[in-house]
Amino acid sequence: MYWCCARLESNRENVAQHFLKLAGYETYIPKMREQRVRRHRRVEVVSPLFPAYAFIVIEHQWHAAMEYRCAGIDHERYGSGAGT
């Protein structure tokens, strides 16, 4: 098992995460909370820490993962993970 980083389509992190979950993959999209001022009011906004990127756990060969195209994914990038 190892983690890889996938580049996603802009502002479609939730769509990609949904379809990857349906395909059986565990994903992680780190998010941060920040307070912004909108119309003279403070509003708490949750946004991705790394916009357009997600981390995906790969348990089997990546070639099998490429057979199932998921909506929202722009380009896959390989990453090295902690060896297990």
Foldseek 3Di string as FASTA:
>chain_A
DFKWKFFWDFPCVVQQCVQVVVVPKDKDFAWDWDWDADPNDTDIDIDTPDTRMMMIDDDDDVVVVVVDDGPGTDGTDGDGGDDD
